[in-house]
């Protein structure tokens, strides 16, 4: 297992452990800015990483069983081969689920968009804030948003990724601008000042993504394509 796979699994376990701590949830929900940015980011990351961890675990289990099967007697080899076939079959099923034909990529964009829109509707958001069971369901949905959003990013092409990033930043900027100038509450569990602060932080974050993260991403992809062209040549 390479260091990246170790880092992925450790980071995933760390985030899951944090996400179930009452102290973290209380901190993340004490104001709207932390709720909208920090808490959402943690659950989105858990969702995206859950897909990567599942793929890594299947790949490692498959290689381990295949290696062990070559060093056992015939009876144990048969059991190992059965386990290997089972893992391979499960891998194919996951690839069918998470690797739909690219022409259906929009499905994986619609799912997280619909979930986000639903849970941020004011009355639904307030209901989730007041009811623990619904609040837990909201968190599970945010994990699903991270997983399906990650699948969408992998399925769509390079150009669509950039367009999607611009669209997300534009929506965040618009929402941030709206929240920063509000003089009435949208979400009843938070004050007007919380709304204004959340809007300010959302504006700052969208600017950072456009000014810093997007150029870094473009440079990284340019270097990757240059290296790939040289190898191919």
Protein backbone atom coordinates (compact mmCIF):
# COMPACT_ATOMS: atom_id res chain seq x y z
CA UNK A 1 0.00 0.00 0.00
CA UNK A 2 1.51 3.33 -1.05
CA UNK A 3 1.59 6.34 1.27
CA UNK A 4 -1.29 8.02 -0.58
CA UNK A 5 -3.59 5.11 0.17
CA UNK A 6 -2.56 5.17 3.84
CA UNK A 7 -3.16 8.93 3.95
CA UNK A 8 -6.58 8.51 2.31
CA UNK A 9 -7.76 5.86 4.78
CA UNK A 10 -6.38 7.70 7.82
CA UNK A 11 -7.97 10.97 6.68
CA UNK A 12 -11.30 9.24 6.07
CA UNK A 13 -11.31 7.61 9.52
CA UNK A 14 -10.28 10.92 11.10
CA UNK A 15 -13.14 12.84 9.44
CA UNK A 16 -15.70 10.18 10.33
CA UNK A 17 -14.51 10.25 13.94
CA UNK A 18 -14.78 14.05 14.04
CA UNK A 19 -18.22 14.08 12.41
CA UNK A 20 -19.81 12.04 15.20
CA UNK A 21 -18.36 14.12 18.03
CA UNK A 22 -21.01 16.25 19.74
CA UNK A 23 -18.38 18.92 20.50
CA UNK A 24 -17.62 19.32 16.79
CA UNK A 25 -21.31 19.47 15.85
CA UNK A 26 -21.99 22.08 18.52
CA UNK A 27 -19.04 24.16 17.30
CA UNK A 28 -19.99 23.78 13.63
CA UNK A 29 -23.61 24.77 14.25
CA UNK A 30 -23.14 27.65 16.65
CA UNK A 31 -23.31 30.10 13.76
CA UNK A 32 -24.50 29.95 10.18
CA UNK A 33 -21.09 30.55 8.60
CA UNK A 34 -19.56 27.46 10.24
CA UNK A 35 -22.70 25.46 9.52
CA UNK A 36 -22.75 26.39 5.83
CA UNK A 37 -19.01 26.06 5.21
CA UNK A 38 -17.19 23.90 7.78
CA UNK A 39 -19.85 21.30 8.56
CA UNK A 40 -20.94 20.95 4.94
CA UNK A 41 -17.31 20.60 3.80
CA UNK A 42 -16.65 17.80 6.31
CA UNK A 43 -19.66 15.73 5.25
CA UNK A 44 -19.05 16.35 1.55
CA UNK A 45 -15.44 15.20 2.01
CA UNK A 46 -16.57 12.05 3.84
CA UNK A 47 -18.89 11.23 0.93
CA UNK A 48 -16.22 11.73 -1.74
CA UNK A 49 -13.59 9.83 0.25
CA UNK A 50 -15.99 6.95 0.93
CA UNK A 51 -16.01 6.19 -2.81
CA UNK A 52 -12.20 6.33 -3.00
CA UNK A 53 -11.74 4.22 0.14
CA UNK A 54 -14.19 1.57 -1.13
CA UNK A 55 -12.29 1.34 -4.42
CA UNK A 56 -8.95 1.15 -2.62
CA UNK A 57 -10.18 -1.55 -0.23
CA UNK A 58 -11.56 -3.66 -3.09
CA UNK A 59 -8.35 -3.30 -5.06
CA UNK A 60 -6.17 -4.27 -2.09
CA UNK A 61 -8.40 -7.19 -1.08
CA UNK A 62 -8.40 -8.47 -4.65
CA UNK A 63 -4.60 -8.38 -4.93
CA UNK A 64 -4.12 -9.94 -1.46
CA UNK A 65 -6.45 -12.86 -2.18
CA UNK A 66 -4.90 -13.46 -5.58
CA UNK A 67 -1.41 -13.49 -4.06
CA UNK A 68 -2.43 -15.76 -1.18
CA UNK A 69 -4.15 -18.20 -3.54
CA UNK A 70 -0.88 -18.87 -5.38
CA UNK A 71 0.80 -20.02 -2.13
CA UNK A 72 -1.85 -22.41 -0.78
CA UNK A 73 -2.77 -26.03 -1.37
CA UNK A 74 -5.43 -26.87 -3.94
CA UNK A 75 -8.31 -26.89 -1.48
CA UNK A 76 -7.38 -23.51 -0.04
CA UNK A 77 -6.67 -22.21 -3.52
CA UNK A 78 -10.25 -23.01 -4.46
CA UNK A 79 -11.56 -21.04 -1.46
CA UNK A 80 -9.25 -18.16 -2.27
CA UNK A 81 -10.34 -18.17 -5.90
CA UNK A 82 -13.98 -18.12 -4.80
CA UNK A 83 -13.27 -15.09 -2.62
CA UNK A 84 -11.42 -13.44 -5.48
CA UNK A 85 -14.34 -14.01 -7.85
CA UNK A 86 -16.76 -12.60 -5.25
CA UNK A 87 -14.68 -9.44 -4.88
CA UNK A 88 -14.32 -9.08 -8.64
CA UNK A 89 -18.08 -9.44 -9.07
CA UNK A 90 -18.72 -6.79 -6.39
CA UNK A 91 -16.16 -4.54 -8.09
CA UNK A 92 -18.00 -4.87 -11.41
CA UNK A 93 -21.30 -4.03 -9.71
CA UNK A 94 -19.79 -0.91 -8.13
CA UNK A 95 -18.30 0.14 -11.45
CA UNK A 96 -21.70 -0.24 -13.08
CA UNK A 97 -23.25 1.93 -10.36
CA UNK A 98 -20.51 4.56 -10.14
CA UNK A 99 -19.42 4.39 -13.74
CA UNK A 100 -22.57 4.92 -15.77
CA UNK A 101 -22.13 5.67 -19.43
CA UNK A 102 -20.78 9.20 -19.82
CA UNK A 103 -23.88 10.27 -21.73
CA UNK A 104 -25.81 9.93 -18.45
CA UNK A 105 -23.35 12.04 -16.41
CA UNK A 106 -26.07 14.65 -15.82
CA UNK A 107 -27.83 12.19 -13.47
CA UNK A 108 -24.92 12.45 -11.04
CA UNK A 109 -25.10 16.25 -11.22
CA UNK A 110 -28.88 16.35 -10.68
CA UNK A 111 -28.78 14.12 -7.55
CA UNK A 112 -26.47 16.31 -5.40
CA UNK A 113 -28.05 19.50 -6.74
CA UNK A 114 -31.54 18.28 -5.81
CA UNK A 115 -30.42 17.16 -2.34
CA UNK A 116 -28.71 20.50 -1.64
CA UNK A 117 -31.70 22.48 -2.87
CA UNK A 118 -34.10 20.41 -0.78
CA UNK A 119 -32.17 20.65 2.51
CA UNK A 120 -31.48 24.38 2.15
CA UNK A 121 -35.11 25.30 1.60
CA UNK A 122 -35.79 27.50 4.68
CA UNK A 123 -38.64 25.51 6.23
CA UNK A 124 -36.83 22.18 5.68
CA UNK A 125 -33.55 23.59 7.03
CA UNK A 126 -35.34 24.88 10.16
CA UNK A 127 -37.10 21.55 10.63
CA UNK A 128 -33.76 19.72 10.46
CA UNK A 129 -32.30 22.16 13.00
CA UNK A 130 -35.17 21.48 15.41
CA UNK A 131 -35.46 17.70 15.01
CA UNK A 132 -32.47 15.44 15.79
CA UNK A 133 -33.64 12.53 13.63
CA UNK A 134 -34.18 14.73 10.60
CA UNK A 135 -30.87 16.46 11.30
CA UNK A 136 -29.05 13.11 11.15
CA UNK A 137 -30.85 12.33 7.89
CA UNK A 138 -29.65 15.70 6.57
CA UNK A 139 -26.06 14.79 7.40
CA UNK A 140 -26.42 11.43 5.66
CA UNK A 141 -27.77 13.26 2.62
CA UNK A 142 -24.76 15.57 2.62
CA UNK A 143 -22.49 12.51 2.58
CA UNK A 144 -24.49 11.29 -0.44
CA UNK A 145 -23.97 14.72 -2.03
CA UNK A 146 -20.21 14.32 -1.63
CA UNK A 147 -20.23 10.80 -3.08
CA UNK A 148 -22.46 11.55 -6.07
CA UNK A 149 -20.72 14.87 -6.71
CA UNK A 150 -17.36 13.09 -6.78
CA UNK A 151 -18.72 10.55 -9.27
CA UNK A 152 -20.07 13.40 -11.43
CA UNK A 153 -16.67 15.12 -11.47
CA UNK A 154 -14.99 11.90 -12.61
CA UNK A 155 -17.53 11.25 -15.36
CA UNK A 156 -17.70 14.68 -16.98
CA UNK A 157 -14.93 15.95 -19.23
CA UNK A 158 -12.23 18.48 -18.43
CA UNK A 159 -14.12 21.40 -19.95
CA UNK A 160 -17.31 20.57 -18.08
CA UNK A 161 -15.36 20.41 -14.80
CA UNK A 162 -14.17 23.96 -15.30
CA UNK A 163 -17.69 25.09 -16.26
CA UNK A 164 -19.09 23.32 -13.18
CA UNK A 165 -16.51 25.03 -10.96
CA UNK A 166 -17.45 28.43 -12.39
CA UNK A 167 -21.14 27.64 -11.88
CA UNK A 168 -20.60 26.61 -8.24
CA UNK A 169 -18.52 29.72 -7.53
CA UNK A 170 -21.14 31.92 -9.18
CA UNK A 171 -23.94 30.41 -7.11
CA UNK A 172 -21.87 30.72 -3.94
CA UNK A 173 -21.06 34.35 -4.75
CA UNK A 174 -24.71 35.16 -5.45
CA UNK A 175 -25.89 33.45 -2.26
CA UNK A 176 -23.11 35.14 -0.30
CA UNK A 177 -24.06 38.55 -1.65
CA UNK A 178 -27.72 37.97 -0.79
CA UNK A 179 -26.90 36.81 2.75
CA UNK A 180 -24.46 39.67 3.38
CA UNK A 181 -27.12 42.35 2.77
CA UNK A 182 -30.10 40.65 4.45
CA UNK A 183 -31.92 42.53 7.18
CA UNK A 184 -34.35 39.69 7.95
CA UNK A 185 -33.74 36.07 8.88
CA UNK A 186 -34.09 33.32 6.30
CA UNK A 187 -33.23 30.49 8.70
CA UNK A 188 -35.03 31.09 11.98
CA UNK A 189 -32.45 29.40 14.21
CA UNK A 190 -29.79 31.98 13.27
CA UNK A 191 -29.68 35.75 13.74
CA UNK A 192 -29.51 38.35 10.98
CA UNK A 193 -25.86 38.96 11.91
CA UNK A 194 -25.17 35.24 11.43
CA UNK A 195 -26.69 35.47 7.95
CA UNK A 196 -24.55 38.51 7.12
CA UNK A 197 -21.36 36.83 8.40
CA UNK A 198 -22.12 33.66 6.46
CA UNK A 199 -22.62 35.71 3.30
CA UNK A 200 -19.29 37.49 3.79
CA UNK A 201 -17.40 34.22 4.27
CA UNK A 202 -19.10 32.65 1.24
CA UNK A 203 -18.06 35.63 -0.90
CA UNK A 204 -14.47 35.35 0.34
CA UNK A 205 -14.39 31.61 -0.28
CA UNK A 206 -15.74 31.93 -3.83
CA UNK A 207 -13.12 34.59 -4.61
CA UNK A 208 -10.32 32.41 -3.21
CA UNK A 209 -11.49 29.47 -5.34
CA UNK A 210 -11.59 31.58 -8.51
CA UNK A 211 -8.35 33.50 -7.89
CA UNK A 212 -6.21 30.79 -6.28
CA UNK A 213 -7.64 27.28 -6.64
CA UNK A 214 -8.79 27.48 -10.26
CA UNK A 215 -5.44 28.78 -11.62
CA UNK A 216 -3.56 26.11 -9.63
CA UNK A 217 -5.85 23.43 -11.05
CA UNK A 218 -5.35 24.71 -14.61
CA UNK A 219 -1.55 24.77 -14.17
CA UNK A 220 -1.62 21.23 -12.77
CA UNK A 221 -3.69 19.91 -15.67
CA UNK A 222 -1.53 21.74 -18.21
CA UNK A 223 1.63 20.14 -16.80
CA UNK A 224 -0.09 16.75 -16.81
CA UNK A 225 -1.08 17.07 -20.47
CA UNK A 226 2.41 18.26 -21.45
CA UNK A 227 4.00 15.24 -19.75
CA UNK A 228 1.45 12.88 -21.35
CA UNK A 229 2.17 14.39 -24.80
CA UNK A 230 5.93 13.96 -24.35
CA UNK A 231 5.52 10.33 -23.27
CA UNK A 232 3.22 9.62 -26.20
CA UNK A 233 5.65 11.32 -28.60
